C-alpha atoms as a PDB file:
ATOM      1  CA  UNK A   1     -31.157 -28.201 138.899  1.00  0.00           C
ATOM      2  CA  UNK A   2     -28.675 -30.553 137.211  1.00  0.00           C
ATOM      3  CA  UNK A   3     -29.071 -34.282 136.823  1.00  0.00           C
ATOM      4  CA  UNK A   4     -25.933 -36.218 137.693  1.00  0.00           C
ATOM      5  CA  UNK A   5     -25.700 -39.845 136.644  1.00  0.00           C
ATOM      6  CA  UNK A   6     -23.512 -42.237 138.613  1.00  0.00           C
ATOM      7  CA  UNK A   7     -23.173 -45.651 137.051  1.00  0.00           C
ATOM      8  CA  UNK A   8     -22.668 -48.827 139.091  1.00  0.00           C
ATOM      9  CA  UNK A   9     -21.896 -46.894 142.249  1.00  0.00           C
ATOM     10  CA  UNK A  10     -21.691 -48.803 145.510  1.00  0.00           C
ATOM     11  CA  UNK A  11     -19.134 -48.696 148.324  1.00  0.00           C
ATOM     12  CA  UNK A  12     -17.248 -51.622 146.819  1.00  0.00           C
ATOM     13  CA  UNK A  13     -16.797 -50.245 143.298  1.00  0.00           C
ATOM     14  CA  UNK A  14     -15.699 -47.091 141.502  1.00  0.00           C
ATOM     15  CA  UNK A  15     -18.046 -44.967 139.481  1.00  0.00           C
ATOM     16  CA  UNK A  16     -17.942 -42.178 136.953  1.00  0.00           C
ATOM     17  CA  UNK A  17     -20.222 -39.173 137.012  1.00  0.00           C
ATOM     18  CA  UNK A  18     -21.854 -37.904 133.868  1.00  0.00           C
ATOM     19  CA  UNK A  19     -22.957 -34.343 134.612  1.00  0.00           C
ATOM     20  CA  UNK A  20     -25.990 -33.348 132.595  1.00  0.00           C
ATOM     21  CA  UNK A  21     -27.408 -29.876 132.800  1.00  0.00           C
ATOM     22  CA  UNK A  22     -30.937 -29.255 131.612  1.00  0.00           C
ATOM     23  CA  UNK A  23     -29.508 -26.393 129.508  1.00  0.00           C
ATOM     24  CA  UNK A  24     -26.310 -28.066 128.336  1.00  0.00           C
ATOM     25  CA  UNK A  25     -25.929 -31.701 127.323  1.00  0.00           C
ATOM     26  CA  UNK A  26     -22.138 -31.773 127.131  1.00  0.00           C
ATOM     27  CA  UNK A  27     -20.876 -34.391 129.553  1.00  0.00           C
ATOM     28  CA  UNK A  28     -17.924 -33.776 131.847  1.00  0.00           C
ATOM     29  CA  UNK A  29     -16.074 -36.818 133.136  1.00  0.00           C
ATOM     30  CA  UNK A  30     -15.878 -36.979 136.901  1.00  0.00           C
ATOM     31  CA  UNK A  31     -15.124 -39.658 139.422  1.00  0.00           C
ATOM     32  CA  UNK A  32     -16.487 -40.884 142.725  1.00  0.00           C
ATOM     33  CA  UNK A  33     -13.627 -41.631 145.097  1.00  0.00           C
ATOM     34  CA  UNK A  34     -15.674 -43.181 147.910  1.00  0.00           C
ATOM     35  CA  UNK A  35     -19.209 -43.603 149.159  1.00  0.00           C
ATOM     36  CA  UNK A  36     -20.414 -44.597 152.597  1.00  0.00           C
ATOM     37  CA  UNK A  37     -23.876 -44.928 154.062  1.00  0.00           C
ATOM     38  CA  UNK A  38     -24.668 -43.470 157.449  1.00  0.00           C
ATOM     39  CA  UNK A  39     -28.129 -43.454 158.992  1.00  0.00           C
ATOM     40  CA  UNK A  40     -30.893 -44.821 156.766  1.00  0.00           C
ATOM     41  CA  UNK A  41     -31.289 -42.521 153.784  1.00  0.00           C
ATOM     42  CA  UNK A  42     -28.055 -40.560 154.417  1.00  0.00           C
ATOM     43  CA  UNK A  43     -24.849 -41.027 152.434  1.00  0.00           C
ATOM     44  CA  UNK A  44     -21.424 -39.452 152.293  1.00  0.00           C
ATOM     45  CA  UNK A  45     -19.732 -39.265 148.902  1.00  0.00           C
ATOM     46  CA  UNK A  46     -16.270 -38.029 148.029  1.00  0.00           C
ATOM     47  CA  UNK A  47     -15.440 -37.269 144.416  1.00  0.00           C
ATOM     48  CA  UNK A  48     -13.612 -35.176 141.856  1.00  0.00           C
ATOM     49  CA  UNK A  49     -15.060 -32.847 139.267  1.00  0.00           C
ATOM     50  CA  UNK A  50     -16.688 -29.481 138.678  1.00  0.00           C
ATOM     51  CA  UNK A  51     -20.171 -28.042 138.834  1.00  0.00           C
ATOM     52  CA  UNK A  52     -21.647 -29.960 141.770  1.00  0.00           C
ATOM     53  CA  UNK A  53     -23.810 -27.847 144.072  1.00  0.00           C
ATOM     54  CA  UNK A  54     -26.363 -28.185 146.879  1.00  0.00           C
ATOM     55  CA  UNK A  55     -29.738 -29.145 145.447  1.00  0.00           C
ATOM     56  CA  UNK A  56     -28.305 -31.280 142.632  1.00  0.00           C
ATOM     57  CA  UNK A  57     -29.494 -34.853 142.367  1.00  0.00           C
ATOM     58  CA  UNK A  58     -27.252 -37.868 141.911  1.00  0.00           C
ATOM     59  CA  UNK A  59     -28.563 -41.085 140.445  1.00  0.00           C
ATOM     60  CA  UNK A  60     -26.882 -44.280 141.622  1.00  0.00           C
ATOM     61  CA  UNK A  61     -27.341 -47.473 139.622  1.00  0.00           C
ATOM     62  CA  UNK A  62     -28.191 -50.170 142.131  1.00  0.00           C
ATOM     63  CA  UNK A  63     -25.641 -52.958 142.317  1.00  0.00           C
ATOM     64  CA  UNK A  64     -26.793 -56.021 140.438  1.00  0.00           C
ATOM     65  CA  UNK A  65     -29.200 -54.021 138.290  1.00  0.00           C
ATOM     66  CA  UNK A  66     -29.068 -53.005 134.650  1.00  0.00           C
ATOM     67  CA  UNK A  67     -31.052 -49.782 134.961  1.00  0.00           C
ATOM     68  CA  UNK A  68     -32.603 -49.292 138.410  1.00  0.00           C
ATOM     69  CA  UNK A  69     -31.477 -46.085 140.067  1.00  0.00           C
ATOM     70  CA  UNK A  70     -31.521 -44.688 143.584  1.00  0.00           C
ATOM     71  CA  UNK A  71     -31.934 -40.893 143.497  1.00  0.00           C
ATOM     72  CA  UNK A  72     -30.095 -38.877 146.142  1.00  0.00           C
ATOM     73  CA  UNK A  73     -30.098 -35.120 146.717  1.00  0.00           C
ATOM     74  CA  UNK A  74     -27.006 -33.117 147.668  1.00  0.00           C
ATOM     75  CA  UNK A  75     -27.825 -31.426 150.992  1.00  0.00           C
ATOM     76  CA  UNK A  76     -24.335 -30.346 152.002  1.00  0.00           C
ATOM     77  CA  UNK A  77     -21.186 -29.847 149.954  1.00  0.00           C
ATOM     78  CA  UNK A  78     -17.606 -28.986 150.738  1.00  0.00           C
ATOM     79  CA  UNK A  79     -14.891 -28.438 148.142  1.00  0.00           C
ATOM     80  CA  UNK A  80     -11.305 -29.216 149.113  1.00  0.00           C
ATOM     81  CA  UNK A  81      -8.457 -26.785 148.499  1.00  0.00           C
ATOM     82  CA  UNK A  82      -6.089 -29.658 147.741  1.00  0.00           C
ATOM     83  CA  UNK A  83      -6.440 -31.592 145.527  1.00  0.00           C
ATOM     84  CA  UNK A  84      -8.283 -29.127 143.290  1.00  0.00           C
ATOM     85  CA  UNK A  85     -11.848 -29.945 142.261  1.00  0.00           C
ATOM     86  CA  UNK A  86     -12.199 -32.658 144.917  1.00  0.00           C
ATOM     87  CA  UNK A  87     -15.335 -32.495 147.042  1.00  0.00           C
ATOM     88  CA  UNK A  88     -17.229 -34.222 149.807  1.00  0.00           C
ATOM     89  CA  UNK A  89     -21.029 -34.253 149.761  1.00  0.00           C
ATOM     90  CA  UNK A  90     -23.751 -35.338 152.154  1.00  0.00           C
ATOM     91  CA  UNK A  91     -26.659 -36.877 150.290  1.00  0.00           C
ATOM     92  CA  UNK A  92     -30.194 -37.806 151.280  1.00  0.00           C
ATOM     93  CA  UNK A  93     -32.657 -40.117 149.625  1.00  0.00           C
ATOM     94  CA  UNK A  94     -35.266 -42.739 150.227  1.00  0.00           C
ATOM     95  CA  UNK A  95     -34.438 -44.873 153.250  1.00  0.00           C
ATOM     96  CA  UNK A  96     -34.106 -48.585 152.539  1.00  0.00           C
ATOM     97  CA  UNK A  97     -33.125 -51.230 155.019  1.00  0.00           C
ATOM     98  CA  UNK A  98     -32.342 -54.190 152.750  1.00  0.00           C
ATOM     99  CA  UNK A  99     -33.220 -54.208 149.064  1.00  0.00           C
ATOM    100  CA  UNK A 100     -33.849 -57.042 146.683  1.00  0.00           C
ATOM    101  CA  UNK A 101     -33.914 -56.624 142.909  1.00  0.00           C
ATOM    102  CA  UNK A 102     -36.513 -58.677 141.073  1.00  0.00           C
ATOM    103  CA  UNK A 103     -36.687 -59.406 137.357  1.00  0.00           C
ATOM    104  CA  UNK A 104     -40.165 -60.210 136.098  1.00  0.00           C
ATOM    105  CA  UNK A 105     -41.612 -60.731 132.649  1.00  0.00           C
ATOM    106  CA  UNK A 106     -44.882 -59.313 131.408  1.00  0.00           C
ATOM    107  CA  UNK A 107     -46.797 -59.719 128.163  1.00  0.00           C
ATOM    108  CA  UNK A 108     -48.579 -56.874 126.411  1.00  0.00           C
ATOM    109  CA  UNK A 109     -52.288 -57.671 126.202  1.00  0.00           C
ATOM    110  CA  UNK A 110     -52.528 -55.992 122.762  1.00  0.00           C
ATOM    111  CA  UNK A 111     -49.491 -57.228 120.798  1.00  0.00           C
ATOM    112  CA  UNK A 112     -48.392 -60.153 123.050  1.00  0.00           C
ATOM    113  CA  UNK A 113     -44.837 -58.776 123.145  1.00  0.00           C
ATOM    114  CA  UNK A 114     -42.955 -60.181 126.138  1.00  0.00           C
ATOM    115  CA  UNK A 115     -40.974 -57.659 128.184  1.00  0.00           C
ATOM    116  CA  UNK A 116     -38.488 -58.316 130.960  1.00  0.00           C
ATOM    117  CA  UNK A 117     -38.081 -55.575 133.576  1.00  0.00           C
ATOM    118  CA  UNK A 118     -36.467 -54.965 136.939  1.00  0.00           C
ATOM    119  CA  UNK A 119     -37.930 -53.461 140.069  1.00  0.00           C
ATOM    120  CA  UNK A 120     -36.795 -53.166 143.652  1.00  0.00           C
ATOM    121  CA  UNK A 121     -38.502 -54.004 146.953  1.00  0.00           C
ATOM    122  CA  UNK A 122     -37.574 -54.268 150.582  1.00  0.00           C
ATOM    123  CA  UNK A 123     -36.274 -57.760 151.328  1.00  0.00           C
ATOM    124  CA  UNK A 124     -39.190 -58.528 153.671  1.00  0.00           C
ATOM    125  CA  UNK A 125     -41.970 -57.368 151.276  1.00  0.00           C
ATOM    126  CA  UNK A 126     -44.718 -59.925 150.607  1.00  0.00           C
ATOM    127  CA  UNK A 127     -45.892 -60.956 147.118  1.00  0.00           C
ATOM    128  CA  UNK A 128     -48.784 -58.434 147.104  1.00  0.00           C
ATOM    129  CA  UNK A 129     -46.387 -55.547 147.858  1.00  0.00           C
ATOM    130  CA  UNK A 130     -43.966 -56.863 145.228  1.00  0.00           C
ATOM    131  CA  UNK A 131     -46.780 -56.809 142.648  1.00  0.00           C
ATOM    132  CA  UNK A 132     -47.570 -53.181 143.594  1.00  0.00           C
ATOM    133  CA  UNK A 133     -43.909 -52.201 143.127  1.00  0.00           C
ATOM    134  CA  UNK A 134     -43.803 -54.068 139.801  1.00  0.00           C
ATOM    135  CA  UNK A 135     -46.887 -52.172 138.592  1.00  0.00           C
ATOM    136  CA  UNK A 136     -45.385 -48.850 139.666  1.00  0.00           C
ATOM    137  CA  UNK A 137     -42.169 -49.662 137.804  1.00  0.00           C
ATOM    138  CA  UNK A 138     -44.071 -50.637 134.642  1.00  0.00           C
ATOM    139  CA  UNK A 139     -45.980 -47.339 134.755  1.00  0.00           C
ATOM    140  CA  UNK A 140     -42.674 -45.486 135.174  1.00  0.00           C
ATOM    141  CA  UNK A 141     -41.444 -47.285 132.042  1.00  0.00           C
ATOM    142  CA  UNK A 142     -44.444 -45.946 130.121  1.00  0.00           C
ATOM    143  CA  UNK A 143     -46.711 -48.995 130.211  1.00  0.00           C
ATOM    144  CA  UNK A 144     -50.432 -48.818 130.920  1.00  0.00           C
ATOM    145  CA  UNK A 145     -51.321 -51.010 133.890  1.00  0.00           C
ATOM    146  CA  UNK A 146     -54.961 -51.601 134.745  1.00  0.00           C
ATOM    147  CA  UNK A 147     -55.331 -54.551 137.093  1.00  0.00           C
ATOM    148  CA  UNK A 148     -54.132 -57.682 135.288  1.00  0.00           C
ATOM    149  CA  UNK A 149     -54.047 -55.919 131.881  1.00  0.00           C
ATOM    150  CA  UNK A 150     -50.758 -54.480 130.594  1.00  0.00           C
ATOM    151  CA  UNK A 151     -50.269 -52.416 127.432  1.00  0.00           C
ATOM    152  CA  UNK A 152     -46.738 -51.706 126.177  1.00  0.00           C
ATOM    153  CA  UNK A 153     -45.335 -48.319 125.177  1.00  0.00           C
ATOM    154  CA  UNK A 154     -45.502 -49.075 121.429  1.00  0.00           C
ATOM    155  CA  UNK A 155     -49.199 -50.017 121.606  1.00  0.00           C
ATOM    156  CA  UNK A 156     -49.866 -46.921 123.703  1.00  0.00           C
ATOM    157  CA  UNK A 157     -48.252 -44.774 120.962  1.00  0.00           C
ATOM    158  CA  UNK A 158     -50.245 -46.514 118.210  1.00  0.00           C
ATOM    159  CA  UNK A 159     -53.434 -45.798 120.153  1.00  0.00           C
ATOM    160  CA  UNK A 160     -52.832 -42.010 119.965  1.00  0.00           C
END
C-alpha cells in the first residue's frame, strides 16, 4: 500500500500530491484538481497523476494546521481517457462534523523543555475530551504521557 501526501488540501485551495511507495521513495509530482465532501466521512477527489489505486491512503493536511492530517482511503477509482492521467476517486475516512484545531503547550517533566503541539477535536467537545485528544496526540508524537506527567522524545531516548 502506498502513502500519498496531500499538503494543505481543502475544497478552497489547490494541493500537490507527493506519492511515496514503501519500496520506492522517489516522489512524483501530482495535482488535486478538486475535492468535495459528501456524506460524513465520504469525499470525492479529482486529480492528475499516475500510480493511484484502490486501497491507497491519502493524507490531507487540515486547513489552519501545520502538521495535522486527515487520513482517507481510496475506495473507488476511475481514470479518465481524456485528459490522460486524470482520475476521480471516492475516499472514506473518519467522520467529523465540525473540527477545531487547538494549539497547546506542554513541559517535559524531566528536562523542562516546553513543546507546542496541535491536536484536533470536534467543535462541541468539552475540556475533558480535549485533554484526552491532546494526550493521544502527544503519544502519537512519541511522548510518554502518564496522567499529569509528560516526558519528551529526547528524554525517552536517553532513558534507553
